[in-house]
Protein backbone atom coordinates (compact mmCIF):
# COMPACT_ATOMS: atom_id res chain seq x y z
CA MET A 1 128.02 136.88 47.40
CA ASN A 2 128.05 133.27 48.51
CA ASN A 3 131.55 132.78 47.07
CA PHE A 4 132.73 135.90 48.94
CA ILE A 5 131.37 134.51 52.19
CA VAL A 6 132.99 131.09 51.58
CA ARG A 7 136.28 132.82 50.61
CA THR A 8 136.17 135.01 53.76
CA ILE A 9 135.50 132.10 56.13
CA THR A 10 138.16 129.92 54.57
CA GLY A 11 140.63 132.85 54.77
CA ILE A 12 139.92 133.48 58.44
CA ILE A 13 140.32 129.79 59.27
CA PHE A 14 143.57 129.58 57.16
CA VAL A 15 145.14 132.59 58.93
CA ALA A 16 144.01 131.48 62.36
CA ALA A 17 145.44 128.03 61.81
CA ILE A 18 148.85 129.29 60.81
CA VAL A 19 149.05 131.92 63.60
CA ALA A 20 147.94 129.41 66.20
CA SER A 21 150.43 126.77 64.99
CA PHE A 22 153.30 129.10 65.94
CA LEU A 23 152.22 129.13 69.58
CA ARG A 24 153.80 125.65 70.03
CA PRO A 25 156.73 124.14 68.14
CA GLU A 26 154.89 120.77 67.94
CA ALA A 27 151.92 122.40 66.28
CA MET A 28 154.03 124.29 63.77
CA VAL A 29 155.97 121.19 62.79
CA LEU A 30 152.84 119.10 62.42
CA LEU A 31 150.89 121.70 60.40
CA PHE A 32 153.66 122.53 57.93
CA ALA A 33 154.59 118.85 57.51
CA ILE A 34 150.97 118.30 56.41
CA VAL A 35 151.13 121.44 54.19
CA THR A 36 154.36 120.16 52.61
CA GLY A 37 152.79 116.75 51.87
CA LEU A 38 149.56 118.21 50.42
CA THR A 39 151.44 120.73 48.28
CA VAL A 40 153.89 118.16 46.85
CA TRP A 41 150.96 115.84 46.16
CA GLU A 42 149.08 118.55 44.38
CA PHE A 43 152.14 119.62 42.34
CA THR A 44 152.98 116.13 41.24
CA GLY A 45 149.37 115.50 40.26
CA LEU A 46 149.34 118.54 38.12
CA VAL A 47 152.63 117.69 36.22
CA ASN A 48 151.56 114.09 35.77
CA GLU A 49 148.72 115.39 33.54
CA ARG A 50 151.34 116.61 31.00
CA PRO A 51 151.99 114.30 28.12
CA GLY A 52 154.94 111.92 28.67
CA VAL A 53 155.28 112.75 32.39
CA THR A 54 154.99 110.05 35.07
CA VAL A 55 156.23 111.18 38.42
CA ASN A 56 155.93 108.90 41.49
CA ARG A 57 153.57 111.02 43.53
CA PHE A 58 153.65 108.82 46.60
CA ILE A 59 157.42 108.64 47.01
CA CYS A 60 157.86 112.34 46.15
CA THR A 61 155.38 113.27 48.79
CA VAL A 62 156.79 110.93 51.43
CA ALA A 63 160.28 112.27 50.63
CA GLY A 64 159.17 115.81 50.89
CA VAL A 65 157.48 115.24 54.31
CA TYR A 66 160.49 113.27 55.57
CA PHE A 67 162.85 116.08 54.53
CA PHE A 68 160.75 118.57 56.55
CA PHE A 69 160.91 116.40 59.64
CA ALA A 70 164.63 115.81 59.06
CA MET A 71 165.19 119.57 59.04
CA THR A 72 163.19 119.89 62.27
CA TYR A 73 165.33 117.28 63.85
CA TYR A 74 168.54 118.93 62.72
CA CYS A 75 167.60 122.52 63.48
CA SER A 76 165.85 121.98 66.86
CA ASP A 77 168.89 120.14 68.24
CA ILE A 78 166.61 117.59 69.88
CA TYR A 79 169.51 115.21 70.69
CA GLY A 80 172.45 117.35 69.70
CA GLY A 81 175.79 116.13 68.49
CA ALA A 82 177.36 116.12 65.02
CA ALA A 83 175.92 112.66 64.27
CA LYS A 84 172.44 114.09 64.00
CA SER A 85 173.17 114.93 60.34
CA VAL A 86 172.77 111.20 59.60
CA VAL A 87 169.02 111.87 59.62
CA PHE A 88 169.36 113.06 55.95
CA ILE A 89 170.79 109.76 54.72
CA PRO A 90 167.34 108.14 54.02
CA TYR A 91 166.30 111.24 52.07
CA LEU A 92 169.41 111.07 49.93
CA VAL A 93 168.82 107.35 49.31
CA THR A 94 165.32 108.19 48.19
CA VAL A 95 166.52 110.80 45.74
CA ILE A 96 169.03 108.39 44.28
CA TYR A 97 166.30 105.79 43.94
CA LEU A 98 164.05 108.23 42.07
CA LEU A 99 166.84 108.94 39.59
CA VAL A 100 167.88 105.28 39.12
CA ALA A 101 164.28 104.06 38.82
CA GLU A 102 163.93 105.83 35.52
CA LEU A 103 166.44 103.44 34.02
CA TYR A 104 163.86 100.66 34.42
CA MET A 105 160.63 102.60 33.74
CA LYS A 106 161.14 102.74 29.96
CA GLN A 107 159.54 106.21 29.73
CA GLU A 108 159.56 108.09 26.43
CA ASP A 109 161.19 111.17 28.08
CA PRO A 110 162.78 110.31 31.46
CA ILE A 111 164.35 113.76 31.62
CA ASN A 112 160.93 115.25 32.18
CA ASP A 113 160.28 112.79 35.08
CA TRP A 114 163.66 113.61 36.67
CA ALA A 115 163.07 117.31 36.31
CA TYR A 116 159.62 117.40 37.79
CA THR A 117 160.61 115.00 40.55
CA MET A 118 163.53 117.17 41.66
CA LEU A 119 161.49 120.30 41.21
CA SER A 120 158.89 118.95 43.69
CA GLN A 121 161.61 118.81 46.29
CA MET A 122 163.50 122.06 45.42
CA TYR A 123 160.42 124.26 44.76
CA ILE A 124 158.19 122.92 47.62
CA ALA A 125 159.82 120.63 50.16
CA LEU A 126 163.05 122.69 50.63
CA PRO A 127 161.32 126.13 51.17
CA PHE A 128 158.84 124.73 53.73
CA SER A 129 161.68 122.87 55.48
CA LEU A 130 163.60 126.14 55.81
CA LEU A 131 160.87 127.39 58.22
CA ASN A 132 162.70 125.28 60.83
CA VAL A 133 165.82 127.41 60.25
CA LEU A 134 163.81 130.50 61.10
CA ALA A 135 161.96 129.01 63.99
CA PHE A 136 164.78 127.40 65.92
CA THR A 137 167.59 129.82 66.90
CA ALA A 138 170.60 129.51 69.22
CA SER A 139 170.88 131.71 72.31
CA PRO A 140 174.18 133.39 73.26
CA GLU A 141 174.55 130.47 75.77
CA GLY A 142 174.38 127.99 72.88
CA LEU A 143 170.81 126.75 73.71
CA VAL A 144 168.47 126.18 70.82
CA LEU A 145 165.17 128.00 71.41
CA PHE A 146 161.83 128.03 69.58
CA ASN A 147 161.20 131.63 68.38
CA PRO A 148 158.01 131.95 66.32
CA ILE A 149 158.40 135.69 65.51
CA LEU A 150 160.68 135.26 62.44
CA PRO A 151 158.74 132.54 60.55
CA LEU A 152 155.37 134.03 61.42
CA SER A 153 156.59 137.54 60.35
CA VAL A 154 157.20 136.12 56.82
CA PHE A 155 153.54 135.16 56.51
CA ILE A 156 152.32 138.40 58.13
CA PHE A 157 154.41 140.39 55.60
CA LEU A 158 152.99 138.33 52.74
CA TRP A 159 149.41 138.78 53.90
CA MET A 160 149.87 142.53 54.48
CA ASN A 161 151.51 142.91 51.07
CA ASP A 162 148.66 141.14 49.37
CA THR A 163 146.14 143.30 51.20
CA GLY A 164 147.92 146.53 50.57
CA ALA A 165 148.65 145.74 46.91
CA TYR A 166 145.03 144.82 46.28
CA CYS A 167 143.60 147.92 47.97
CA ILE A 168 146.04 150.43 46.44
CA GLY A 169 146.06 148.70 43.11
CA SER A 170 142.33 148.76 42.88
CA LEU A 171 142.27 152.49 43.58
CA LEU A 172 145.29 153.76 41.81
CA GLY A 173 146.68 150.97 39.62
CA ARG A 174 147.51 152.14 36.17
CA HIS A 175 150.87 150.61 35.16
CA LYS A 176 150.99 146.88 34.77
CA LEU A 177 153.74 145.01 36.61
CA PHE A 178 153.85 141.83 34.58
CA PRO A 179 151.09 141.99 31.99
CA ARG A 180 152.27 138.86 30.23
CA ILE A 181 151.96 136.70 33.36
CA SER A 182 149.61 138.52 35.75
CA PRO A 183 147.60 141.40 34.16
CA GLY A 184 145.95 142.25 37.53
CA LYS A 185 149.23 143.37 39.23
CA SER A 186 150.25 146.97 39.00
CA TRP A 187 153.35 148.95 40.10
CA GLU A 188 151.14 151.19 42.20
CA GLY A 189 149.72 148.25 44.00
CA SER A 190 153.14 146.67 44.61
CA ILE A 191 154.53 149.96 45.99
CA GLY A 192 151.42 150.36 48.16
CA GLY A 193 151.82 146.77 49.49
CA ALA A 194 155.49 147.46 50.31
CA VAL A 195 154.58 150.66 52.24
CA VAL A 196 152.06 148.70 54.30
CA VAL A 197 154.70 145.97 54.96
CA LEU A 198 157.16 148.59 56.20
CA ALA A 199 154.65 149.90 58.64
CA VAL A 200 153.98 146.38 59.88
CA ALA A 201 157.75 145.74 60.13
CA TYR A 202 158.01 148.75 62.41
CA LEU A 203 155.26 147.30 64.65
CA LEU A 204 157.00 143.89 64.75
CA TYR A 205 160.24 145.68 65.76
CA VAL A 206 158.36 147.37 68.61
CA PHE A 207 157.02 144.04 69.75
CA ASP A 208 160.26 142.11 69.25
CA SER A 209 162.27 144.70 71.18
CA GLY A 210 160.09 143.96 74.24
CA GLN A 211 158.18 147.24 74.28
CA LEU A 212 154.94 145.25 74.09
CA SER A 213 156.11 142.55 76.38
CA TYR A 214 152.67 142.13 77.90
CA LEU A 215 151.64 140.36 74.72
CA ALA A 216 153.96 137.50 75.83
CA ASP A 217 150.99 136.21 77.76
CA ALA A 218 149.61 135.09 74.41
CA GLY A 219 152.53 132.60 74.00
CA PHE A 220 155.05 134.79 72.12
CA ARG A 221 158.40 135.86 73.52
CA SER A 222 160.28 138.91 72.47
CA SER A 223 163.84 138.30 71.37
CA GLY A 224 165.31 141.63 70.25
CA MET A 225 167.07 139.74 67.48
CA LEU A 226 166.79 142.39 64.82
CA THR A 227 167.22 146.16 64.73
CA LEU A 228 164.61 148.42 63.18
CA GLU A 229 166.66 148.69 59.94
CA GLN A 230 166.98 144.86 59.79
CA TRP A 231 163.24 144.43 60.26
CA LEU A 232 162.54 146.92 57.44
CA GLY A 233 165.00 145.10 55.24
CA LEU A 234 163.42 141.74 55.98
CA GLY A 235 159.98 143.22 55.10
CA LEU A 236 161.26 144.47 51.72
CA VAL A 237 162.95 141.12 50.99
CA VAL A 238 159.71 139.29 51.61
CA VAL A 239 157.77 141.78 49.45
CA VAL A 240 160.05 141.37 46.49
CA PHE A 241 160.50 137.61 46.60
CA GLY A 242 156.94 137.07 47.59
CA THR A 243 155.79 138.86 44.50
CA TRP A 244 158.18 136.89 42.34
CA GLY A 245 156.92 133.66 43.98
CA ASP A 246 153.33 134.56 43.09
CA LEU A 247 154.41 135.23 39.47
CA VAL A 248 156.35 131.98 39.32
CA GLU A 249 153.20 130.05 40.25
CA SER A 250 151.19 132.13 37.76
CA ILE A 251 153.46 131.21 34.88
CA PHE A 252 153.41 127.55 36.09
CA LYS A 253 149.57 127.56 35.88
CA ARG A 254 149.57 129.41 32.51
CA THR A 255 151.90 126.77 31.15
CA LEU A 256 149.55 123.97 32.33
CA GLY A 257 146.47 125.96 31.15
CA ILE A 258 144.71 125.95 34.54
CA LYS A 259 143.10 128.70 36.62
CA ASP A 260 143.67 127.19 40.09
CA SER A 261 146.13 124.62 41.26
CA GLY A 262 143.49 122.75 43.16
CA SER A 263 140.22 123.06 45.15
CA ILE A 264 141.20 121.92 48.61
CA LEU A 265 140.61 125.42 50.01
CA PRO A 266 137.05 126.53 49.16
CA GLY A 267 137.15 129.90 47.47
CA HIS A 268 140.97 130.03 47.45
CA GLY A 269 142.00 127.21 45.13
CA GLY A 270 144.77 124.84 45.98
CA MET A 271 147.75 124.63 48.30
CA LEU A 272 150.07 126.15 45.65
CA ASP A 273 147.65 129.03 45.21
CA ARG A 274 147.85 129.89 48.91
CA PHE A 275 151.53 129.26 49.47
CA ASP A 276 153.04 130.37 46.22
CA SER A 277 154.53 133.59 47.59
CA SER A 278 156.09 131.86 50.54
CA LEU A 279 157.95 129.36 48.44
CA LEU A 280 160.41 132.10 47.41
CA ALA A 281 159.94 134.44 50.37
CA ILE A 282 161.03 131.77 52.95
CA PRO A 283 164.41 130.96 51.37
CA ALA A 284 165.07 134.64 50.68
CA ALA A 285 164.38 135.44 54.33
CA VAL A 286 166.81 132.79 55.43
CA ILE A 287 169.48 134.11 53.08
CA TYR A 288 168.86 137.68 54.19
CA LEU A 289 169.07 136.86 57.94
CA TYR A 290 172.22 134.78 57.47
CA THR A 291 173.82 137.53 55.39
CA ILE A 292 173.18 140.25 58.00
CA SER A 293 174.53 138.02 60.70
CA LEU A 294 177.89 138.00 58.97
CA PHE A 295 178.34 141.79 59.29
């Protein structure tokens, strides 16, 4: 019971912090820059426990956080102009350094170090940085505006999918989804979670289309960016790739022989445990939204 209470309190604070951060662009950027740093630090600490692996945790973490800020700078169009892409140069220099440094480290298996170093950036830093692509959008007049609906919707879909999958799976779950990796997941639960997400996607469409414009007083603004069909499609994309993201982290932990990735969130484990689904769902959402914009 005590663990349930701790888990519940932590969950409420966790959700409240993420939702509140999207009320202001500065808060979103600061929170997810911290999340990026903590997650990269946690990941590199875990892989460094493997035999023959020595990843530079500090530089990997700083590089990941810098890349997040660089994407913010680029996507938010703070200063404008084509020259703003120069902000990525220090990050590229850092990546080159991490590769060249292995020449002088005299490690038994430098390929492992290279692989885990690059994975910390591609698996963690890049997906979180893509939140900026969702959050900062251009208006028809060419102005870059902060729109929290799209990035926040990804997390709402993930939370609702987890809730629906758990409830339906507990009641009706019979057929295992991935018994080798995650015995607790069932096809019934996954379908139930998807149905819940579709219902939430409809509600987000209603809000985004301005039919609930009075909620704008809370700090959100309707954009009417997506049709109902596009919102439903986004919901399904997040469900599928969020589930895969969860399974990817599960096989990562099974490979390392650990139950939780960390203990920074009481009752919920580590940062990877809480953001595993989003690490695939965010890039997938970006790809989906860019794809539908072409047609």
